[in-house]
C-alpha atoms as a PDB file:
ATOM      1  CA  UNK A   1     -12.517  -0.673  10.523  1.00  0.00           C
ATOM      2  CA  UNK A   2     -12.365  -0.479  14.300  1.00  0.00           C
ATOM      3  CA  UNK A   3     -15.464   0.746  16.077  1.00  0.00           C
ATOM      4  CA  UNK A   4     -13.698   3.627  18.075  1.00  0.00           C
ATOM      5  CA  UNK A   5     -12.898   4.991  14.251  1.00  0.00           C
ATOM      6  CA  UNK A   6     -16.523   4.380  13.190  1.00  0.00           C
ATOM      7  CA  UNK A   7     -17.873   6.296  16.473  1.00  0.00           C
ATOM      8  CA  UNK A   8     -15.369   9.297  15.687  1.00  0.00           C
ATOM      9  CA  UNK A   9     -16.489   9.467  12.102  1.00  0.00           C
ATOM     10  CA  UNK A  10     -20.093   9.841  13.185  1.00  0.00           C
ATOM     11  CA  UNK A  11     -19.252  12.361  15.965  1.00  0.00           C
ATOM     12  CA  UNK A  12     -17.061  14.358  13.608  1.00  0.00           C
ATOM     13  CA  UNK A  13     -17.938  14.002  10.043  1.00  0.00           C
ATOM     14  CA  UNK A  14     -16.324  16.959   8.284  1.00  0.00           C
ATOM     15  CA  UNK A  15     -12.796  16.617   9.512  1.00  0.00           C
ATOM     16  CA  UNK A  16     -10.330  17.739   6.616  1.00  0.00           C
ATOM     17  CA  UNK A  17      -8.128  14.993   4.991  1.00  0.00           C
ATOM     18  CA  UNK A  18      -4.290  14.641   5.420  1.00  0.00           C
ATOM     19  CA  UNK A  19      -2.118  14.426   2.676  1.00  0.00           C
ATOM     20  CA  UNK A  20       1.525  13.566   2.452  1.00  0.00           C
ATOM     21  CA  UNK A  21       2.157  12.671   6.112  1.00  0.00           C
ATOM     22  CA  UNK A  22       2.287   9.048   5.606  1.00  0.00           C
ATOM     23  CA  UNK A  23       4.193   6.740   3.413  1.00  0.00           C
ATOM     24  CA  UNK A  24       4.261   2.929   2.650  1.00  0.00           C
ATOM     25  CA  UNK A  25       7.604   1.289   1.135  1.00  0.00           C
ATOM     26  CA  UNK A  26       8.378  -1.781  -0.918  1.00  0.00           C
ATOM     27  CA  UNK A  27       8.857  -3.789   2.002  1.00  0.00           C
ATOM     28  CA  UNK A  28       5.483  -2.854   3.901  1.00  0.00           C
ATOM     29  CA  UNK A  29       6.802  -0.412   6.227  1.00  0.00           C
ATOM     30  CA  UNK A  30       5.087   2.853   7.294  1.00  0.00           C
ATOM     31  CA  UNK A  31       6.807   6.191   7.505  1.00  0.00           C
ATOM     32  CA  UNK A  32       5.743   9.353   9.040  1.00  0.00           C
ATOM     33  CA  UNK A  33       6.606  12.310   6.854  1.00  0.00           C
ATOM     34  CA  UNK A  34       6.533  15.834   8.903  1.00  0.00           C
ATOM     35  CA  UNK A  35       6.736  19.233   7.003  1.00  0.00           C
ATOM     36  CA  UNK A  36      10.625  19.268   6.738  1.00  0.00           C
ATOM     37  CA  UNK A  37      10.599  15.683   5.294  1.00  0.00           C
ATOM     38  CA  UNK A  38       7.719  16.594   2.660  1.00  0.00           C
ATOM     39  CA  UNK A  39       9.562  19.735   1.939  1.00  0.00           C
ATOM     40  CA  UNK A  40      12.832  17.749   1.248  1.00  0.00           C
ATOM     41  CA  UNK A  41      10.960  16.021  -1.744  1.00  0.00           C
ATOM     42  CA  UNK A  42       8.101  13.543  -2.620  1.00  0.00           C
ATOM     43  CA  UNK A  43       7.970  10.099  -1.332  1.00  0.00           C
ATOM     44  CA  UNK A  44      10.042   7.525  -1.319  1.00  0.00           C
ATOM     45  CA  UNK A  45      12.807  10.103  -2.359  1.00  0.00           C
ATOM     46  CA  UNK A  46      12.181  11.532   1.202  1.00  0.00           C
ATOM     47  CA  UNK A  47      10.792   8.961   3.392  1.00  0.00           C
ATOM     48  CA  UNK A  48      10.478  10.299   7.064  1.00  0.00           C
ATOM     49  CA  UNK A  49      10.699   8.577  10.247  1.00  0.00           C
ATOM     50  CA  UNK A  50      10.155   4.882   9.942  1.00  0.00           C
ATOM     51  CA  UNK A  51       7.356   3.798  12.323  1.00  0.00           C
ATOM     52  CA  UNK A  52       8.509   1.298  14.905  1.00  0.00           C
ATOM     53  CA  UNK A  53       5.471   1.383  17.421  1.00  0.00           C
ATOM     54  CA  UNK A  54       3.399  -2.180  17.178  1.00  0.00           C
ATOM     55  CA  UNK A  55       0.230  -1.072  18.256  1.00  0.00           C
ATOM     56  CA  UNK A  56       0.454   2.146  15.858  1.00  0.00           C
ATOM     57  CA  UNK A  57       1.237  -0.118  13.117  1.00  0.00           C
ATOM     58  CA  UNK A  58      -1.539  -2.507  14.019  1.00  0.00           C
ATOM     59  CA  UNK A  59      -3.734   0.333  14.083  1.00  0.00           C
ATOM     60  CA  UNK A  60      -3.040   1.802  10.812  1.00  0.00           C
ATOM     61  CA  UNK A  61      -3.096  -1.834   9.129  1.00  0.00           C
ATOM     62  CA  UNK A  62      -6.563  -2.278  10.734  1.00  0.00           C
ATOM     63  CA  UNK A  63      -7.719   1.013   9.259  1.00  0.00           C
ATOM     64  CA  UNK A  64      -6.293   0.846   6.074  1.00  0.00           C
ATOM     65  CA  UNK A  65      -8.488   0.858   2.763  1.00  0.00           C
ATOM     66  CA  UNK A  66      -8.898   2.729  -0.522  1.00  0.00           C
ATOM     67  CA  UNK A  67     -11.520   5.228  -1.537  1.00  0.00           C
ATOM     68  CA  UNK A  68     -13.352   5.202  -4.593  1.00  0.00           C
ATOM     69  CA  UNK A  69     -10.585   6.881  -6.549  1.00  0.00           C
ATOM     70  CA  UNK A  70      -8.221   4.324  -5.751  1.00  0.00           C
ATOM     71  CA  UNK A  71      -6.518   6.576  -3.070  1.00  0.00           C
ATOM     72  CA  UNK A  72      -5.378   4.351  -0.252  1.00  0.00           C
ATOM     73  CA  UNK A  73      -5.507   5.900   3.374  1.00  0.00           C
ATOM     74  CA  UNK A  74      -5.589   5.041   6.964  1.00  0.00           C
ATOM     75  CA  UNK A  75      -8.767   6.180   8.829  1.00  0.00           C
ATOM     76  CA  UNK A  76      -7.355   8.025  11.806  1.00  0.00           C
ATOM     77  CA  UNK A  77     -10.662   8.522  13.871  1.00  0.00           C
ATOM     78  CA  UNK A  78     -12.678  11.116  11.941  1.00  0.00           C
ATOM     79  CA  UNK A  79      -9.516  11.933   9.853  1.00  0.00           C
ATOM     80  CA  UNK A  80      -8.484  10.229   6.533  1.00  0.00           C
ATOM     81  CA  UNK A  81      -4.771  10.453   6.356  1.00  0.00           C
ATOM     82  CA  UNK A  82      -3.900   9.333   2.472  1.00  0.00           C
ATOM     83  CA  UNK A  83      -0.924   7.086   1.910  1.00  0.00           C
ATOM     84  CA  UNK A  84       2.010   7.877  -0.568  1.00  0.00           C
ATOM     85  CA  UNK A  85       2.941   4.688  -2.071  1.00  0.00           C
ATOM     86  CA  UNK A  86       6.340   3.663  -3.142  1.00  0.00           C
ATOM     87  CA  UNK A  87       5.287   0.990  -5.303  1.00  0.00           C
ATOM     88  CA  UNK A  88       1.672  -0.744  -4.782  1.00  0.00           C
ATOM     89  CA  UNK A  89      -0.903  -0.386  -2.140  1.00  0.00           C
ATOM     90  CA  UNK A  90      -0.243  -3.907  -0.732  1.00  0.00           C
ATOM     91  CA  UNK A  91       2.962  -5.740  -0.023  1.00  0.00           C
ATOM     92  CA  UNK A  92       2.691  -9.299  -0.219  1.00  0.00           C
ATOM     93  CA  UNK A  93       4.397 -12.049   2.164  1.00  0.00           C
ATOM     94  CA  UNK A  94       4.540 -15.650   0.565  1.00  0.00           C
ATOM     95  CA  UNK A  95       3.553 -18.476   2.888  1.00  0.00           C
ATOM     96  CA  UNK A  96       5.050 -22.007   2.657  1.00  0.00           C
ATOM     97  CA  UNK A  97       2.018 -23.189   0.437  1.00  0.00           C
ATOM     98  CA  UNK A  98       2.546 -20.331  -1.739  1.00  0.00           C
ATOM     99  CA  UNK A  99      -0.643 -18.525  -0.432  1.00  0.00           C
ATOM    100  CA  UNK A 100      -0.311 -14.763   0.347  1.00  0.00           C
ATOM    101  CA  UNK A 101      -0.711 -12.549   2.880  1.00  0.00           C
ATOM    102  CA  UNK A 102      -0.842  -8.663   2.861  1.00  0.00           C
ATOM    103  CA  UNK A 103       1.809  -6.498   4.902  1.00  0.00           C
ATOM    104  CA  UNK A 104      -1.518  -5.777   6.784  1.00  0.00           C
ATOM    105  CA  UNK A 105      -2.029  -9.570   7.902  1.00  0.00           C
ATOM    106  CA  UNK A 106      -4.961  -9.999   5.837  1.00  0.00           C
ATOM    107  CA  UNK A 107      -4.836 -13.202   3.694  1.00  0.00           C
ATOM    108  CA  UNK A 108      -5.836 -12.869  -0.009  1.00  0.00           C
ATOM    109  CA  UNK A 109      -6.258 -15.100  -3.117  1.00  0.00           C
ATOM    110  CA  UNK A 110      -3.684 -14.823  -5.643  1.00  0.00           C
ATOM    111  CA  UNK A 111      -4.859 -13.477  -8.965  1.00  0.00           C
ATOM    112  CA  UNK A 112      -2.363 -12.418 -11.894  1.00  0.00           C
ATOM    113  CA  UNK A 113       1.368 -12.532 -11.380  1.00  0.00           C
ATOM    114  CA  UNK A 114       3.147  -9.470 -12.958  1.00  0.00           C
ATOM    115  CA  UNK A 115       6.729  -8.681 -13.617  1.00  0.00           C
ATOM    116  CA  UNK A 116       8.003  -5.468 -14.285  1.00  0.00           C
ATOM    117  CA  UNK A 117      11.088  -3.994 -16.094  1.00  0.00           C
ATOM    118  CA  UNK A 118      12.854  -3.748 -12.827  1.00  0.00           C
ATOM    119  CA  UNK A 119      12.234  -7.501 -11.908  1.00  0.00           C
ATOM    120  CA  UNK A 120       9.617  -6.692  -9.460  1.00  0.00           C
ATOM    121  CA  UNK A 121       7.069  -9.154  -8.906  1.00  0.00           C
ATOM    122  CA  UNK A 122       3.445  -8.191  -8.163  1.00  0.00           C
ATOM    123  CA  UNK A 123       0.510 -10.315  -7.644  1.00  0.00           C
ATOM    124  CA  UNK A 124      -3.288  -9.284  -8.116  1.00  0.00           C
ATOM    125  CA  UNK A 125      -5.960 -10.142  -5.782  1.00  0.00           C
ATOM    126  CA  UNK A 126      -9.377  -8.833  -5.011  1.00  0.00           C
ATOM    127  CA  UNK A 127      -7.917  -6.713  -2.135  1.00  0.00           C
ATOM    128  CA  UNK A 128      -5.686  -4.719  -4.434  1.00  0.00           C
ATOM    129  CA  UNK A 129      -2.204  -4.882  -6.225  1.00  0.00           C
ATOM    130  CA  UNK A 130       0.837  -5.814  -4.048  1.00  0.00           C
ATOM    131  CA  UNK A 131       4.528  -6.083  -4.556  1.00  0.00           C
ATOM    132  CA  UNK A 132       5.975  -9.605  -3.356  1.00  0.00           C
ATOM    133  CA  UNK A 133       8.202  -8.685  -0.366  1.00  0.00           C
ATOM    134  CA  UNK A 134      11.941  -8.891  -1.276  1.00  0.00           C
ATOM    135  CA  UNK A 135      12.411 -11.618   1.486  1.00  0.00           C
ATOM    136  CA  UNK A 136      10.034 -13.882  -0.137  1.00  0.00           C
ATOM    137  CA  UNK A 137      11.174 -13.874  -3.642  1.00  0.00           C
ATOM    138  CA  UNK A 138      12.765 -17.409  -3.323  1.00  0.00           C
ATOM    139  CA  UNK A 139       9.203 -18.724  -2.353  1.00  0.00           C
ATOM    140  CA  UNK A 140       7.724 -16.904  -5.167  1.00  0.00           C
ATOM    141  CA  UNK A 141      10.296 -18.425  -7.621  1.00  0.00           C
ATOM    142  CA  UNK A 142       9.522 -22.062  -6.237  1.00  0.00           C
ATOM    143  CA  UNK A 143       5.713 -21.210  -6.867  1.00  0.00           C
ATOM    144  CA  UNK A 144       6.465 -20.213 -10.238  1.00  0.00           C
ATOM    145  CA  UNK A 145       8.818 -23.169 -11.085  1.00  0.00           C
ATOM    146  CA  UNK A 146       6.391 -25.704  -9.524  1.00  0.00           C
ATOM    147  CA  UNK A 147       3.611 -24.338 -11.537  1.00  0.00           C
ATOM    148  CA  UNK A 148       1.900 -23.198  -8.432  1.00  0.00           C
ATOM    149  CA  UNK A 149       1.654 -19.704  -9.756  1.00  0.00           C
ATOM    150  CA  UNK A 150       1.243 -18.807 -13.539  1.00  0.00           C
ATOM    151  CA  UNK A 151       3.836 -17.300 -15.570  1.00  0.00           C
ATOM    152  CA  UNK A 152       4.557 -13.640 -15.112  1.00  0.00           C
ATOM    153  CA  UNK A 153       2.936 -10.940 -17.438  1.00  0.00           C
ATOM    154  CA  UNK A 154       5.507  -8.657 -18.395  1.00  0.00           C
ATOM    155  CA  UNK A 155       4.310  -5.110 -17.308  1.00  0.00           C
ATOM    156  CA  UNK A 156       5.778  -1.392 -17.110  1.00  0.00           C
ATOM    157  CA  UNK A 157       5.582  -0.279 -13.671  1.00  0.00           C
ATOM    158  CA  UNK A 158       4.379   2.887 -14.713  1.00  0.00           C
ATOM    159  CA  UNK A 159       1.065   1.416 -16.164  1.00  0.00           C
ATOM    160  CA  UNK A 160       0.099  -0.572 -12.832  1.00  0.00           C
ATOM    161  CA  UNK A 161      -1.995   2.350 -11.078  1.00  0.00           C
ATOM    162  CA  UNK A 162      -4.083   3.004 -14.330  1.00  0.00           C
ATOM    163  CA  UNK A 163      -4.477  -0.703 -14.928  1.00  0.00           C
ATOM    164  CA  UNK A 164      -5.318  -1.498 -11.197  1.00  0.00           C
ATOM    165  CA  UNK A 165      -7.083   1.584 -10.241  1.00  0.00           C
ATOM    166  CA  UNK A 166      -4.724   3.101  -7.161  1.00  0.00           C
ATOM    167  CA  UNK A 167      -2.999   6.397  -6.779  1.00  0.00           C
ATOM    168  CA  UNK A 168       0.558   6.512  -6.019  1.00  0.00           C
ATOM    169  CA  UNK A 169       0.631   9.996  -4.574  1.00  0.00           C
ATOM    170  CA  UNK A 170      -2.928  11.228  -3.322  1.00  0.00           C
ATOM    171  CA  UNK A 171      -0.780  14.265  -2.421  1.00  0.00           C
ATOM    172  CA  UNK A 172       0.347  15.248  -5.980  1.00  0.00           C
ATOM    173  CA  UNK A 173      -3.088  14.361  -7.005  1.00  0.00           C
ATOM    174  CA  UNK A 174      -4.911  16.645  -4.427  1.00  0.00           C
ATOM    175  CA  UNK A 175      -2.412  19.380  -5.298  1.00  0.00           C
ATOM    176  CA  UNK A 176      -2.994  18.814  -9.193  1.00  0.00           C
ATOM    177  CA  UNK A 177      -6.744  19.422  -8.298  1.00  0.00           C
ATOM    178  CA  UNK A 178      -5.631  22.712  -6.993  1.00  0.00           C
ATOM    179  CA  UNK A 179      -5.888  22.262  -3.140  1.00  0.00           C
END
């Protein structure tokens, strides 16, 4: 977490959390979701505006983590901005040596490999569950064919949040609690 964010947290510890305003799609792209976008439907049905500002994206990615309930958020100064997830909290890029790197730029050690009913490939790691980026499916197939990755386990996409401890829609979970 950035030092400036830690300082803001210390200065303003009781800023309300923000829900529904930020989304992460299956390709590791961030979307800003204003009131009309949120009113039009849940993420990813209604995505919002694709963020293109590199420094903002870098700031979000440096300050992106999960809380104790498996809800992923971006710590924006003193405010937590909870993230709506299209598939998983991380999107993996596969390197030429078959190692993985998150959309945030953080390297990770590959754990279990999973394949859902729609043919989406996921990789578990200590950092969290991630979806393999569509552009890297060729490298992932090579890793599987060469035995560098284990045979994928068949899973249902709907079971992944419970199994790997993440929440796809913190906004829906927050609303369900009556807030």
